[in-house]
C-alpha atoms as a PDB file:
ATOM      1  CA  UNK A   1     -81.855 135.868 217.047  1.00  0.00           C
ATOM      2  CA  UNK A   2     -82.501 138.479 214.329  1.00  0.00           C
ATOM      3  CA  UNK A   3     -83.875 141.940 214.844  1.00  0.00           C
ATOM      4  CA  UNK A   4     -86.442 143.724 212.403  1.00  0.00           C
ATOM      5  CA  UNK A   5     -84.379 146.912 211.872  1.00  0.00           C
ATOM      6  CA  UNK A   6     -86.908 148.636 209.695  1.00  0.00           C
ATOM      7  CA  UNK A   7     -89.821 147.824 212.293  1.00  0.00           C
ATOM      8  CA  UNK A   8     -87.528 149.407 215.084  1.00  0.00           C
ATOM      9  CA  UNK A   9     -86.816 152.495 212.889  1.00  0.00           C
ATOM     10  CA  UNK A  10     -90.651 152.994 212.457  1.00  0.00           C
ATOM     11  CA  UNK A  11     -90.820 152.668 216.334  1.00  0.00           C
ATOM     12  CA  UNK A  12     -88.647 155.667 217.057  1.00  0.00           C
ATOM     13  CA  UNK A  13     -90.613 157.990 219.543  1.00  0.00           C
ATOM     14  CA  UNK A  14     -92.609 155.059 220.999  1.00  0.00           C
ATOM     15  CA  UNK A  15     -92.353 153.757 224.461  1.00  0.00           C
ATOM     16  CA  UNK A  16     -90.228 150.701 225.502  1.00  0.00           C
ATOM     17  CA  UNK A  17     -93.409 148.908 226.422  1.00  0.00           C
ATOM     18  CA  UNK A  18     -95.081 149.328 223.115  1.00  0.00           C
ATOM     19  CA  UNK A  19     -91.913 148.039 221.354  1.00  0.00           C
ATOM     20  CA  UNK A  20     -91.556 145.175 223.717  1.00  0.00           C
ATOM     21  CA  UNK A  21     -95.225 144.229 223.458  1.00  0.00           C
ATOM     22  CA  UNK A  22     -94.905 144.451 219.479  1.00  0.00           C
ATOM     23  CA  UNK A  23     -92.324 141.580 219.976  1.00  0.00           C
ATOM     24  CA  UNK A  24     -89.460 143.655 218.320  1.00  0.00           C
ATOM     25  CA  UNK A  25     -87.038 142.887 221.127  1.00  0.00           C
ATOM     26  CA  UNK A  26     -85.516 139.427 221.303  1.00  0.00           C
ATOM     27  CA  UNK A  27     -84.703 139.678 225.034  1.00  0.00           C
ATOM     28  CA  UNK A  28     -86.539 140.355 228.183  1.00  0.00           C
ATOM     29  CA  UNK A  29     -83.651 142.500 229.380  1.00  0.00           C
ATOM     30  CA  UNK A  30     -84.790 146.017 230.397  1.00  0.00           C
ATOM     31  CA  UNK A  31     -82.934 149.183 229.208  1.00  0.00           C
ATOM     32  CA  UNK A  32     -80.621 150.353 232.080  1.00  0.00           C
ATOM     33  CA  UNK A  33     -78.332 153.328 233.035  1.00  0.00           C
ATOM     34  CA  UNK A  34     -76.180 154.742 235.784  1.00  0.00           C
ATOM     35  CA  UNK A  35     -77.942 156.763 238.443  1.00  0.00           C
ATOM     36  CA  UNK A  36     -78.631 160.300 237.216  1.00  0.00           C
ATOM     37  CA  UNK A  37     -78.113 159.485 233.610  1.00  0.00           C
ATOM     38  CA  UNK A  38     -81.020 161.040 231.497  1.00  0.00           C
ATOM     39  CA  UNK A  39     -80.784 158.142 229.004  1.00  0.00           C
ATOM     40  CA  UNK A  40     -81.466 154.344 229.352  1.00  0.00           C
ATOM     41  CA  UNK A  41     -79.691 152.013 227.083  1.00  0.00           C
ATOM     42  CA  UNK A  42     -80.144 148.458 225.674  1.00  0.00           C
ATOM     43  CA  UNK A  43     -77.103 147.014 223.905  1.00  0.00           C
ATOM     44  CA  UNK A  44     -77.957 143.805 222.075  1.00  0.00           C
ATOM     45  CA  UNK A  45     -74.393 143.118 221.125  1.00  0.00           C
ATOM     46  CA  UNK A  46     -74.938 139.644 219.405  1.00  0.00           C
ATOM     47  CA  UNK A  47     -77.463 141.371 217.029  1.00  0.00           C
ATOM     48  CA  UNK A  48     -75.082 144.328 216.561  1.00  0.00           C
ATOM     49  CA  UNK A  49     -77.807 146.795 217.659  1.00  0.00           C
ATOM     50  CA  UNK A  50     -77.724 149.534 220.422  1.00  0.00           C
ATOM     51  CA  UNK A  51     -80.944 151.232 221.538  1.00  0.00           C
ATOM     52  CA  UNK A  52     -81.239 154.396 223.517  1.00  0.00           C
ATOM     53  CA  UNK A  53     -84.248 155.465 225.512  1.00  0.00           C
ATOM     54  CA  UNK A  54     -85.198 158.608 227.362  1.00  0.00           C
ATOM     55  CA  UNK A  55     -85.352 157.794 231.070  1.00  0.00           C
ATOM     56  CA  UNK A  56     -88.583 159.957 231.414  1.00  0.00           C
ATOM     57  CA  UNK A  57     -91.311 157.812 229.831  1.00  0.00           C
ATOM     58  CA  UNK A  58     -88.815 155.263 228.487  1.00  0.00           C
ATOM     59  CA  UNK A  59     -89.277 156.671 224.934  1.00  0.00           C
ATOM     60  CA  UNK A  60     -87.141 155.183 222.145  1.00  0.00           C
ATOM     61  CA  UNK A  61     -84.977 157.882 220.883  1.00  0.00           C
ATOM     62  CA  UNK A  62     -81.990 156.320 218.969  1.00  0.00           C
ATOM     63  CA  UNK A  63     -80.753 153.141 217.324  1.00  0.00           C
ATOM     64  CA  UNK A  64     -77.265 152.407 216.360  1.00  0.00           C
ATOM     65  CA  UNK A  65     -76.305 149.497 213.988  1.00  0.00           C
ATOM     66  CA  UNK A  66     -72.759 148.113 214.403  1.00  0.00           C
ATOM     67  CA  UNK A  67     -71.735 147.346 210.753  1.00  0.00           C
ATOM     68  CA  UNK A  68     -68.200 146.703 211.660  1.00  0.00           C
ATOM     69  CA  UNK A  69     -67.195 145.356 215.090  1.00  0.00           C
ATOM     70  CA  UNK A  70     -63.476 145.033 215.667  1.00  0.00           C
ATOM     71  CA  UNK A  71     -63.879 143.272 219.008  1.00  0.00           C
ATOM     72  CA  UNK A  72     -65.418 140.224 217.329  1.00  0.00           C
ATOM     73  CA  UNK A  73     -63.345 138.153 214.803  1.00  0.00           C
ATOM     74  CA  UNK A  74     -65.038 137.836 211.361  1.00  0.00           C
ATOM     75  CA  UNK A  75     -68.046 140.043 212.366  1.00  0.00           C
ATOM     76  CA  UNK A  76     -70.790 140.189 209.990  1.00  0.00           C
ATOM     77  CA  UNK A  77     -73.860 142.220 210.782  1.00  0.00           C
ATOM     78  CA  UNK A  78     -76.445 139.500 211.475  1.00  0.00           C
ATOM     79  CA  UNK A  79     -79.680 141.188 210.489  1.00  0.00           C
ATOM     80  CA  UNK A  80     -81.476 142.286 207.352  1.00  0.00           C
ATOM     81  CA  UNK A  81     -80.725 145.962 206.579  1.00  0.00           C
ATOM     82  CA  UNK A  82     -83.358 148.349 205.291  1.00  0.00           C
ATOM     83  CA  UNK A  83     -83.017 149.037 201.543  1.00  0.00           C
ATOM     84  CA  UNK A  84     -80.492 150.339 200.267  1.00  0.00           C
ATOM     85  CA  UNK A  85     -78.099 149.756 203.159  1.00  0.00           C
ATOM     86  CA  UNK A  86     -75.740 146.881 202.822  1.00  0.00           C
ATOM     87  CA  UNK A  87     -73.356 144.918 205.177  1.00  0.00           C
ATOM     88  CA  UNK A  88     -70.183 146.495 203.567  1.00  0.00           C
ATOM     89  CA  UNK A  89     -70.502 150.177 202.424  1.00  0.00           C
ATOM     90  CA  UNK A  90     -67.740 152.598 201.355  1.00  0.00           C
ATOM     91  CA  UNK A  91     -68.129 156.320 201.616  1.00  0.00           C
ATOM     92  CA  UNK A  92     -68.273 156.434 197.695  1.00  0.00           C
ATOM     93  CA  UNK A  93     -71.207 153.908 197.860  1.00  0.00           C
ATOM     94  CA  UNK A  94     -73.031 156.026 200.425  1.00  0.00           C
ATOM     95  CA  UNK A  95     -72.710 159.099 198.180  1.00  0.00           C
ATOM     96  CA  UNK A  96     -73.915 157.130 195.054  1.00  0.00           C
ATOM     97  CA  UNK A  97     -76.973 155.853 197.062  1.00  0.00           C
ATOM     98  CA  UNK A  98     -77.793 158.951 199.370  1.00  0.00           C
ATOM     99  CA  UNK A  99     -76.194 161.833 197.749  1.00  0.00           C
ATOM    100  CA  UNK A 100     -74.123 164.475 199.505  1.00  0.00           C
ATOM    101  CA  UNK A 101     -74.451 164.558 203.289  1.00  0.00           C
ATOM    102  CA  UNK A 102     -76.194 167.461 204.910  1.00  0.00           C
ATOM    103  CA  UNK A 103     -73.288 167.849 207.370  1.00  0.00           C
ATOM    104  CA  UNK A 104     -70.014 166.185 207.912  1.00  0.00           C
ATOM    105  CA  UNK A 105     -67.154 166.113 210.643  1.00  0.00           C
ATOM    106  CA  UNK A 106     -63.832 165.235 209.111  1.00  0.00           C
ATOM    107  CA  UNK A 107     -61.592 162.342 210.506  1.00  0.00           C
ATOM    108  CA  UNK A 108     -59.520 163.456 213.382  1.00  0.00           C
ATOM    109  CA  UNK A 109     -57.075 162.068 216.082  1.00  0.00           C
ATOM    110  CA  UNK A 110     -57.879 162.576 219.738  1.00  0.00           C
ATOM    111  CA  UNK A 111     -55.522 161.482 222.250  1.00  0.00           C
ATOM    112  CA  UNK A 112     -53.758 159.143 219.861  1.00  0.00           C
ATOM    113  CA  UNK A 113     -57.100 157.489 218.954  1.00  0.00           C
ATOM    114  CA  UNK A 114     -58.287 157.786 215.196  1.00  0.00           C
ATOM    115  CA  UNK A 115     -61.786 158.689 214.716  1.00  0.00           C
ATOM    116  CA  UNK A 116     -63.250 158.525 211.164  1.00  0.00           C
ATOM    117  CA  UNK A 117     -65.519 160.930 209.416  1.00  0.00           C
ATOM    118  CA  UNK A 118     -69.168 161.313 210.504  1.00  0.00           C
ATOM    119  CA  UNK A 119     -71.856 162.362 208.097  1.00  0.00           C
ATOM    120  CA  UNK A 120     -75.573 163.238 208.410  1.00  0.00           C
ATOM    121  CA  UNK A 121     -78.501 162.325 205.981  1.00  0.00           C
ATOM    122  CA  UNK A 122     -82.300 162.839 206.210  1.00  0.00           C
ATOM    123  CA  UNK A 123     -84.353 159.789 205.921  1.00  0.00           C
ATOM    124  CA  UNK A 124     -87.582 160.086 204.093  1.00  0.00           C
ATOM    125  CA  UNK A 125     -91.068 158.432 204.310  1.00  0.00           C
ATOM    126  CA  UNK A 126     -91.278 157.678 207.986  1.00  0.00           C
ATOM    127  CA  UNK A 127     -93.898 158.709 210.583  1.00  0.00           C
ATOM    128  CA  UNK A 128     -91.580 161.368 212.019  1.00  0.00           C
ATOM    129  CA  UNK A 129     -88.564 163.129 210.511  1.00  0.00           C
ATOM    130  CA  UNK A 130     -85.601 160.887 211.039  1.00  0.00           C
ATOM    131  CA  UNK A 131     -81.836 161.570 210.666  1.00  0.00           C
ATOM    132  CA  UNK A 132     -79.325 158.973 209.650  1.00  0.00           C
ATOM    133  CA  UNK A 133     -75.876 159.425 210.963  1.00  0.00           C
ATOM    134  CA  UNK A 134     -72.964 157.424 209.384  1.00  0.00           C
ATOM    135  CA  UNK A 135     -69.635 156.749 211.078  1.00  0.00           C
ATOM    136  CA  UNK A 136     -66.784 155.640 209.006  1.00  0.00           C
ATOM    137  CA  UNK A 137     -63.437 153.997 209.920  1.00  0.00           C
ATOM    138  CA  UNK A 138     -60.227 155.724 208.670  1.00  0.00           C
ATOM    139  CA  UNK A 139     -60.385 153.682 205.428  1.00  0.00           C
ATOM    140  CA  UNK A 140     -63.737 155.329 204.807  1.00  0.00           C
ATOM    141  CA  UNK A 141     -65.767 152.090 205.183  1.00  0.00           C
ATOM    142  CA  UNK A 142     -69.104 152.376 207.157  1.00  0.00           C
ATOM    143  CA  UNK A 143     -68.504 151.423 210.789  1.00  0.00           C
ATOM    144  CA  UNK A 144     -71.822 152.287 212.291  1.00  0.00           C
ATOM    145  CA  UNK A 145     -75.136 153.811 211.243  1.00  0.00           C
ATOM    146  CA  UNK A 146     -77.404 155.607 213.712  1.00  0.00           C
ATOM    147  CA  UNK A 147     -81.056 156.552 213.235  1.00  0.00           C
ATOM    148  CA  UNK A 148     -82.605 159.255 215.480  1.00  0.00           C
ATOM    149  CA  UNK A 149     -85.634 161.594 215.397  1.00  0.00           C
ATOM    150  CA  UNK A 150     -84.295 164.765 213.697  1.00  0.00           C
ATOM    151  CA  UNK A 151     -85.718 166.513 216.818  1.00  0.00           C
ATOM    152  CA  UNK A 152     -83.156 164.727 219.001  1.00  0.00           C
ATOM    153  CA  UNK A 153     -80.210 165.794 216.724  1.00  0.00           C
ATOM    154  CA  UNK A 154     -77.274 167.008 218.674  1.00  0.00           C
ATOM    155  CA  UNK A 155     -74.753 168.543 216.129  1.00  0.00           C
END
């Protein structure tokens, strides 16, 4: 089942009920979390989409698109991406299409695990200020793209 990524982006800041009632979620599964966690999550693994909600009010606060997924052989992101995003993007391609990032965290190794670069960009023309965070693999190919209200930014 496909997910309307752009419609979900435009739903940031809305309640789970509003998003569900609008038919933007392909499952009836409710977001969940461990006891005491301030955030609820809904991982739509087959769609390559992870959603996060504030527990208080179940307000939609973050969406991550899994562009690469090493756990699934021959993974191709199954949904239509908002323009100009593509299913395969290099860091150079991102710079050509979005310009220089506003902030960047260089690649690093933590406890023998390689973590690629993370960069932050502002997304224009939405109902609220939105930040796009791009995570790369060590070969500087886009691994994941996260959208969140700029007010929720944790850098």
